[in-house]
Amino acid sequence: MRAAVLTRFGAPLAVREVPDPEAGGGEVVVEVLAAGVAPYAAEVFSGKRKYPLIPPVVPGVGAVGRIVHVGPDATRLRVGDLVWCDATVRSRDDALTPDITLQGWSSRGEGGARLAEYLHDGAFAELMRVPTENVFPLPAAAGEDPARWAALTVHTISYGGLLAGGLAAGETLLVSGATGNLGSSAVAVALAMGAGRVVAPGRNKAALDLLADRFGPRLRPIPLTGDESTDRAAMSVAADGPIDMVIDMLPPSAPSSASRAAAMTVREYGRVVLMGGVGMLGGDDLALPYPWIMRNSITVRGQWMYPRTANVGIIRLLASGALDLAPERVRSFPLANVNDAITYAAAHGGPFDRTSLTPSAG
């Protein structure tokens, strides 16, 4: 098969022939129809983000595909099934605190690194080997436009964060980092889940206008000034009532003060979910005040990726039409043009911009 291979950090990906993957017990092989290309993929492949990939490796996180081989333990899946391949792989020998790797992308700790060594290659290939439990059936509509449905990579992450915070219908949510690729997804998914109002702070006026045009009065855009107290007051006023939950999706380049300003708008007994990259490039710690958390009974939790069940939930939201993929701007590239796709994704990382690689399309 053909695959795009990261031979070393800082080098373009090389498209070449590699051996076809073979599935063992508890695994399937999938023909990759479409895989999302993250806006920050260039930073990963250059080595700037210092992801624990070990070249040579076929990268790529998550895919829409068709099953070409199933293992002996599969009871429902069949060859030819259209499926979503979840990249969040968990070890099977510790149900309480499983090790995690993002197949073809990243890992956590020593155990995650061992998983990554075994499930080494990701979705930038014509075929991919995937654990059986990471494969989820898709509706037939996904087969008509798999490049668009590859946005599951983004939407499942934001959905997982909203589940972690227990977002309920009618509640008011503040999305810190709403104008980014992941943050704008959180806005769309929250409204699809029935959020009554979403407060969307950001510095990018064009992106804020796009969100307001798409979602109407349930979306409250807030231009940020950079002054923590001023911004916190503006966000609270825009909510026009208590803010039940805050989800932070800010990138590594954002200052911790922006996260803190958003987090401290939440009401008494409110929830704060941290999913972004603040602090990963250094800088000040988040430093939420102990007395404020304690006296207001605030719940603060981190969430990396999502539980397996989130895949089923987000697919249902899409299949029902509650979450609409139609307005998203999708650009597809064949496998041979993978480096063009990476460059394009870096320049098009705004709200609802999607870049997809279609390896099996020729």
Protein backbone atom coordinates (compact mmCIF):
# COMPACT_ATOMS: atom_id res chain seq x y z
CA MET A 1 0.00 0.00 0.00
CA ARG A 2 0.97 3.65 -0.25
CA ALA A 3 1.44 5.77 2.84
CA ALA A 4 2.78 9.17 3.87
CA VAL A 5 5.77 8.60 6.13
CA LEU A 6 7.43 10.98 8.57
CA THR A 7 11.07 9.95 8.07
CA ARG A 8 12.47 12.57 10.44
CA PHE A 9 11.26 15.73 12.15
CA GLY A 10 11.70 18.78 9.96
CA ALA A 11 11.49 16.84 6.69
CA PRO A 12 8.48 16.73 4.34
CA LEU A 13 6.40 13.56 4.56
CA ALA A 14 7.46 10.96 1.99
CA VAL A 15 4.74 9.12 0.04
CA ARG A 16 5.98 5.59 -0.65
CA GLU A 17 5.10 1.92 -0.70
CA VAL A 18 5.02 0.19 2.68
CA PRO A 19 3.83 -3.30 3.72
CA ASP A 20 0.09 -3.76 4.15
CA PRO A 21 -0.95 -3.94 7.83
CA GLU A 22 -2.05 -7.34 9.17
CA ALA A 23 -4.69 -7.61 11.88
CA GLY A 24 -4.26 -9.86 14.87
CA GLY A 25 -6.89 -10.86 17.38
CA GLY A 26 -8.92 -7.90 18.57
CA GLU A 27 -8.09 -5.83 15.49
CA VAL A 28 -9.52 -4.84 12.12
CA VAL A 29 -7.98 -3.48 8.93
CA VAL A 30 -9.70 -0.49 7.36
CA GLU A 31 -9.40 1.15 3.95
CA VAL A 32 -8.93 4.84 4.75
CA LEU A 33 -11.41 7.02 2.85
CA ALA A 34 -10.63 10.29 4.65
CA ALA A 35 -8.50 11.52 7.52
CA GLY A 36 -8.46 15.00 9.01
CA VAL A 37 -5.30 17.12 8.86
CA ALA A 38 -4.96 19.23 12.00
CA PRO A 39 -4.12 22.94 11.60
CA TYR A 40 -1.08 22.40 13.85
CA ALA A 41 0.16 19.29 11.98
CA ALA A 42 3.09 21.27 10.57
CA GLU A 43 4.20 22.08 14.12
CA VAL A 44 4.10 18.39 15.02
CA PHE A 45 6.08 17.27 11.98
CA SER A 46 8.65 20.04 12.34
CA GLY A 47 9.32 18.96 15.92
CA LYS A 48 8.15 22.28 17.39
CA ARG A 49 5.43 20.62 19.47
CA LYS A 50 7.75 17.80 20.59
CA TYR A 51 5.18 15.03 20.18
CA PRO A 52 6.49 11.57 21.06
CA LEU A 53 6.32 10.17 17.54
CA ILE A 54 9.21 7.89 16.60
CA PRO A 55 10.15 8.11 12.90
CA PRO A 56 9.80 6.45 10.54
CA VAL A 57 6.07 6.55 11.24
CA VAL A 58 2.83 6.95 9.30
CA PRO A 59 1.06 9.80 11.15
CA GLY A 60 -2.59 10.81 11.10
CA VAL A 61 -5.22 10.85 13.82
CA GLY A 62 -8.64 9.26 13.20
CA ALA A 63 -10.29 8.25 9.92
CA VAL A 64 -13.45 7.43 8.05
CA GLY A 65 -13.02 4.11 6.28
CA ARG A 66 -14.38 0.75 5.14
CA ILE A 67 -13.51 -2.50 6.81
CA VAL A 68 -11.47 -4.89 4.66
CA HIS A 69 -10.65 -7.47 7.35
CA VAL A 70 -12.13 -8.34 10.75
CA GLY A 71 -10.58 -10.39 13.51
CA PRO A 72 -12.12 -13.56 14.95
CA ASP A 73 -13.56 -11.78 17.98
CA ALA A 74 -15.73 -9.32 16.02
CA THR A 75 -19.42 -10.22 16.34
CA ARG A 76 -21.16 -7.24 14.71
CA LEU A 77 -18.66 -5.73 12.28
CA ARG A 78 -18.52 -6.99 8.70
CA VAL A 79 -16.21 -6.52 5.73
CA GLY A 80 -17.48 -3.52 3.76
CA ASP A 81 -18.94 -1.69 6.76
CA LEU A 82 -18.49 2.09 6.74
CA VAL A 83 -16.88 3.07 10.02
CA TRP A 84 -15.27 5.77 12.11
CA CYS A 85 -11.82 4.87 13.46
CA ASP A 86 -11.24 6.50 16.84
CA ALA A 87 -7.54 7.25 17.41
CA THR A 88 -7.79 7.25 21.23
CA VAL A 89 -6.48 3.79 22.06
CA ARG A 90 -6.59 2.53 25.66
CA SER A 91 -4.71 -0.37 27.18
CA ARG A 92 -6.89 -3.39 27.94
CA ASP A 93 -5.18 -4.51 31.14
CA ASP A 94 -6.22 -1.71 33.53
CA ALA A 95 -9.85 -0.67 33.51
CA LEU A 96 -9.38 1.98 36.21
CA THR A 97 -6.44 3.97 34.83
CA PRO A 98 -5.70 2.69 31.32
CA ASP A 99 -2.66 3.89 29.43
CA ILE A 100 -3.55 5.95 26.36
CA THR A 101 -2.03 6.58 22.97
CA LEU A 102 -3.39 8.62 20.09
CA GLN A 103 -2.66 6.25 17.22
CA GLY A 104 -0.28 7.84 14.76
CA TRP A 105 -0.05 11.03 16.78
CA SER A 106 0.86 11.13 20.49
CA SER A 107 0.90 9.19 23.76
CA ARG A 108 0.89 9.61 27.52
CA GLY A 109 3.55 8.14 29.81
CA GLU A 110 5.60 4.96 29.55
CA GLY A 111 2.58 2.72 29.03
CA GLY A 112 1.21 4.94 26.30
CA ALA A 113 4.59 4.83 24.58
CA ARG A 114 4.46 1.02 24.61
CA LEU A 115 1.02 1.12 23.00
CA ALA A 116 2.33 3.57 20.40
CA GLU A 117 5.22 1.25 19.61
CA TYR A 118 2.76 -1.54 18.80
CA LEU A 119 0.06 0.54 17.07
CA HIS A 120 2.74 2.57 15.38
CA ASP A 121 1.04 3.88 12.28
CA GLY A 122 -1.91 6.19 11.77
CA ALA A 123 -4.37 7.28 9.11
CA PHE A 124 -2.20 8.86 6.39
CA ALA A 125 -2.21 5.60 4.43
CA GLU A 126 -4.43 3.56 2.15
CA LEU A 127 -4.93 0.94 4.88
CA MET A 128 -4.81 1.12 8.69
CA ARG A 129 -4.85 -1.46 11.49
CA VAL A 130 -7.21 -0.48 14.33
CA PRO A 131 -8.31 -2.11 17.61
CA THR A 132 -11.78 -3.60 17.22
CA GLU A 133 -13.21 -1.51 20.05
CA ASN A 134 -12.07 1.69 18.31
CA VAL A 135 -14.26 1.13 15.25
CA PHE A 136 -17.78 2.60 15.16
CA PRO A 137 -20.41 2.15 12.41
CA LEU A 138 -21.40 5.25 10.45
CA PRO A 139 -24.63 6.07 8.60
CA ALA A 140 -24.65 5.68 4.83
CA ALA A 141 -24.60 9.48 4.41
CA ALA A 142 -21.00 9.53 5.65
CA GLY A 143 -19.97 7.46 2.64
CA GLU A 144 -21.25 10.16 0.29
CA ASP A 145 -18.85 12.74 1.74
CA PRO A 146 -16.24 11.04 3.95
CA ALA A 147 -13.92 14.06 3.85
CA ARG A 148 -16.60 16.13 5.58
CA TRP A 149 -17.30 13.43 8.16
CA ALA A 150 -13.60 13.30 9.01
CA ALA A 151 -14.42 16.35 11.16
CA LEU A 152 -15.34 13.76 13.77
CA THR A 153 -11.71 14.05 14.87
CA VAL A 154 -12.45 17.59 16.09
CA HIS A 155 -16.06 17.30 17.20
CA THR A 156 -15.54 14.19 19.33
CA ILE A 157 -12.91 16.03 21.39
CA SER A 158 -15.15 18.99 22.16
CA TYR A 159 -18.10 16.66 22.82
CA GLY A 160 -15.97 14.74 25.31
CA GLY A 161 -15.21 17.96 27.17
CA LEU A 162 -18.86 18.93 27.33
CA LEU A 163 -19.76 15.48 28.64
CA ALA A 164 -17.03 15.80 31.27
CA GLY A 165 -18.59 19.05 32.49
CA GLY A 166 -22.10 17.59 32.48
CA LEU A 167 -23.57 20.22 30.15
CA ALA A 168 -27.35 20.10 30.37
CA ALA A 169 -30.01 21.43 28.01
CA GLY A 170 -30.84 25.07 28.64
CA GLU A 171 -27.60 25.87 30.46
CA THR A 172 -25.29 28.78 29.68
CA LEU A 173 -21.81 27.79 28.54
CA LEU A 174 -18.74 29.96 28.07
CA VAL A 175 -16.21 28.66 25.52
CA SER A 176 -12.74 30.08 26.16
CA GLY A 177 -10.96 29.97 22.81
CA ALA A 178 -14.21 29.99 20.82
CA THR A 179 -12.68 31.41 17.64
CA GLY A 180 -10.24 28.52 17.16
CA ASN A 181 -10.74 25.21 15.39
CA LEU A 182 -11.56 23.23 18.54
CA GLY A 183 -13.30 26.08 20.35
CA SER A 184 -15.70 26.75 17.50
CA SER A 185 -16.49 23.04 17.47
CA ALA A 186 -17.37 23.27 21.17
CA VAL A 187 -19.79 26.11 20.34
CA ALA A 188 -21.52 24.07 17.63
CA VAL A 189 -21.67 20.86 19.65
CA ALA A 190 -22.96 22.62 22.79
CA LEU A 191 -25.81 24.21 20.87
CA ALA A 192 -26.59 20.86 19.24
CA MET A 193 -26.78 19.38 22.77
CA GLY A 194 -29.33 22.02 23.74
CA ALA A 195 -27.30 24.73 25.47
CA GLY A 196 -29.54 27.73 26.01
CA ARG A 197 -26.79 30.26 25.44
CA VAL A 198 -23.10 30.17 24.53
CA VAL A 199 -20.76 33.04 25.40
CA ALA A 200 -17.91 33.18 22.88
CA PRO A 201 -14.96 35.43 23.77
CA GLY A 202 -12.16 36.02 21.28
CA ARG A 203 -9.87 38.54 19.61
CA ASN A 204 -10.63 37.61 16.01
CA LYS A 205 -13.57 39.81 14.98
CA ALA A 206 -14.12 38.02 11.67
CA ALA A 207 -14.35 34.68 13.46
CA LEU A 208 -16.73 36.11 16.07
CA ASP A 209 -18.92 37.51 13.29
CA LEU A 210 -18.95 34.11 11.57
CA LEU A 211 -20.11 32.43 14.78
CA ALA A 212 -22.80 35.06 15.33
CA ASP A 213 -24.07 34.71 11.75
CA ARG A 214 -24.26 30.93 11.98
CA PHE A 215 -25.86 30.57 15.40
CA GLY A 216 -27.93 33.71 15.92
CA PRO A 217 -29.08 35.07 19.30
CA ARG A 218 -28.10 31.97 21.31
CA LEU A 219 -24.48 32.93 20.60
CA ARG A 220 -23.04 35.90 22.52
CA PRO A 221 -19.73 37.05 20.95
CA ILE A 222 -17.33 39.04 23.18
CA PRO A 223 -14.30 40.91 21.73
CA LEU A 224 -11.44 40.56 24.20
CA THR A 225 -9.21 43.47 25.22
CA GLY A 226 -6.46 41.54 26.99
CA ASP A 227 -7.21 43.16 30.34
CA GLU A 228 -8.27 40.38 32.68
CA SER A 229 -10.76 42.28 34.84
CA THR A 230 -12.32 44.13 31.89
CA ASP A 231 -12.74 40.93 29.89
CA ARG A 232 -14.19 39.02 32.84
CA ALA A 233 -16.80 41.72 33.40
CA ALA A 234 -17.74 41.80 29.69
CA MET A 235 -18.20 38.03 29.58
CA SER A 236 -20.40 38.06 32.66
CA VAL A 237 -22.59 40.85 31.28
CA ALA A 238 -22.98 39.09 27.90
CA ALA A 239 -24.25 35.94 29.59
CA ASP A 240 -27.27 37.88 30.86
CA GLY A 241 -27.50 35.50 33.79
CA PRO A 242 -25.41 32.84 35.56
CA ILE A 243 -22.73 31.01 33.60
CA ASP A 244 -23.18 27.33 34.45
CA MET A 245 -20.06 25.96 32.83
CA VAL A 246 -16.79 27.09 31.23
CA ILE A 247 -14.79 24.97 28.82
CA ASP A 248 -11.27 26.12 27.98
CA MET A 249 -9.93 25.30 24.49
CA LEU A 250 -7.19 27.91 24.27
CA PRO A 251 -3.98 26.95 22.39
CA PRO A 252 -0.47 26.72 23.88
CA SER A 253 0.32 30.26 22.73
CA ALA A 254 -2.44 31.80 24.89
CA PRO A 255 -1.59 33.38 28.26
CA SER A 256 -2.89 31.80 31.45
CA SER A 257 -4.58 35.12 32.31
CA ALA A 258 -7.05 34.57 29.45
CA SER A 259 -7.98 31.15 30.83
CA ARG A 260 -8.31 32.52 34.34
CA ALA A 261 -10.52 35.43 33.27
CA ALA A 262 -12.92 33.02 31.58
CA ALA A 263 -12.89 30.40 34.33
CA MET A 264 -13.74 32.91 37.05
CA THR A 265 -16.99 33.94 35.36
CA VAL A 266 -18.62 30.65 36.36
CA ARG A 267 -21.41 30.76 38.93
CA GLU A 268 -21.40 29.31 42.43
CA TYR A 269 -21.47 25.51 42.12
CA GLY A 270 -20.40 25.91 38.50
CA ARG A 271 -18.01 23.71 36.50
CA VAL A 272 -14.77 24.47 34.67
CA VAL A 273 -13.28 21.99 32.17
CA LEU A 274 -9.70 22.46 30.95
CA MET A 275 -8.94 20.92 27.53
CA GLY A 276 -6.57 23.40 25.88
CA GLY A 277 -2.81 23.75 25.69
CA VAL A 278 -2.18 26.72 27.99
CA GLY A 279 1.20 26.41 29.69
CA MET A 280 2.61 23.75 27.37
CA LEU A 281 5.10 26.25 25.96
CA GLY A 282 5.96 27.70 29.37
CA GLY A 283 4.66 30.86 31.01
CA ASP A 284 2.70 31.50 34.18
CA ASP A 285 0.57 28.86 35.84
CA LEU A 286 -3.23 29.17 35.81
CA ALA A 287 -3.31 30.17 39.52
CA LEU A 288 -7.03 30.01 40.27
CA PRO A 289 -7.63 31.40 43.79
CA TYR A 290 -8.08 28.71 46.44
CA PRO A 291 -10.69 30.75 48.41
CA TRP A 292 -12.76 31.37 45.28
CA ILE A 293 -12.84 27.66 44.38
CA MET A 294 -13.61 26.57 47.94
CA ARG A 295 -16.19 29.17 48.96
CA ASN A 296 -18.09 28.94 45.69
CA SER A 297 -17.96 25.13 45.51
CA ILE A 298 -16.45 25.25 42.03
CA THR A 299 -15.62 22.02 40.20
CA VAL A 300 -12.44 22.26 38.11
CA ARG A 301 -11.35 19.25 36.06
CA GLY A 302 -9.03 18.45 33.23
CA GLN A 303 -10.12 16.30 30.30
CA TRP A 304 -7.77 14.78 27.74
CA MET A 305 -9.71 13.49 24.74
CA TYR A 306 -12.97 11.62 25.60
CA PRO A 307 -14.51 8.30 26.71
CA ARG A 308 -15.26 5.64 24.10
CA THR A 309 -19.00 6.24 24.43
CA ALA A 310 -18.51 9.79 23.14
CA ASN A 311 -17.98 8.37 19.66
CA VAL A 312 -21.48 6.89 19.64
CA GLY A 313 -23.03 10.11 20.96
CA ILE A 314 -21.37 12.45 18.48
CA ILE A 315 -22.22 10.17 15.54
CA ARG A 316 -25.87 10.25 16.66
CA LEU A 317 -25.82 14.04 16.82
CA LEU A 318 -24.51 14.17 13.25
CA ALA A 319 -26.81 11.48 11.90
CA SER A 320 -29.86 13.23 13.39
CA GLY A 321 -28.91 16.59 11.89
CA ALA A 322 -28.75 18.25 15.31
CA LEU A 323 -25.09 18.97 14.51
CA ASP A 324 -24.87 20.14 10.91
CA LEU A 325 -21.69 19.58 8.90
CA ALA A 326 -23.03 21.31 5.79
CA PRO A 327 -21.74 24.84 6.61
CA GLU A 328 -18.20 23.63 7.20
CA ARG A 329 -15.56 24.57 4.63
CA VAL A 330 -13.81 21.37 3.58
CA ARG A 331 -10.76 21.06 1.32
CA SER A 332 -9.62 17.58 0.31
CA PHE A 333 -6.21 16.44 -0.91
CA PRO A 334 -5.08 13.10 -2.37
CA LEU A 335 -2.34 11.20 -0.58
CA ALA A 336 0.26 12.31 -3.13
CA ASN A 337 -0.31 15.92 -2.08
CA VAL A 338 -0.05 15.34 1.66
CA ASN A 339 2.52 18.11 2.18
CA ASP A 340 0.26 20.58 0.36
CA ALA A 341 -2.54 19.50 2.70
CA ILE A 342 -0.37 20.18 5.74
CA THR A 343 0.54 23.64 4.47
CA TYR A 344 -3.09 24.41 3.62
CA ALA A 345 -4.32 23.27 7.04
CA ALA A 346 -1.82 25.55 8.79
CA ALA A 347 -3.21 28.55 6.89
CA HIS A 348 -6.86 27.55 7.35
CA GLY A 349 -7.34 26.77 11.02
CA GLY A 350 -10.27 29.04 11.77
CA PRO A 351 -13.82 28.16 12.77
CA PHE A 352 -15.20 25.27 10.71
CA ASP A 353 -12.23 25.12 8.33
CA ARG A 354 -11.44 21.46 7.66
CA THR A 355 -8.61 19.88 5.72
CA SER A 356 -8.91 16.22 4.77
CA LEU A 357 -6.60 13.67 3.20
CA THR A 358 -8.25 11.02 0.99
CA PRO A 359 -5.66 8.21 0.73
CA SER A 360 -7.72 5.61 -1.12
CA ALA A 361 -9.01 8.07 -3.72
CA GLY A 362 -5.84 7.78 -5.79
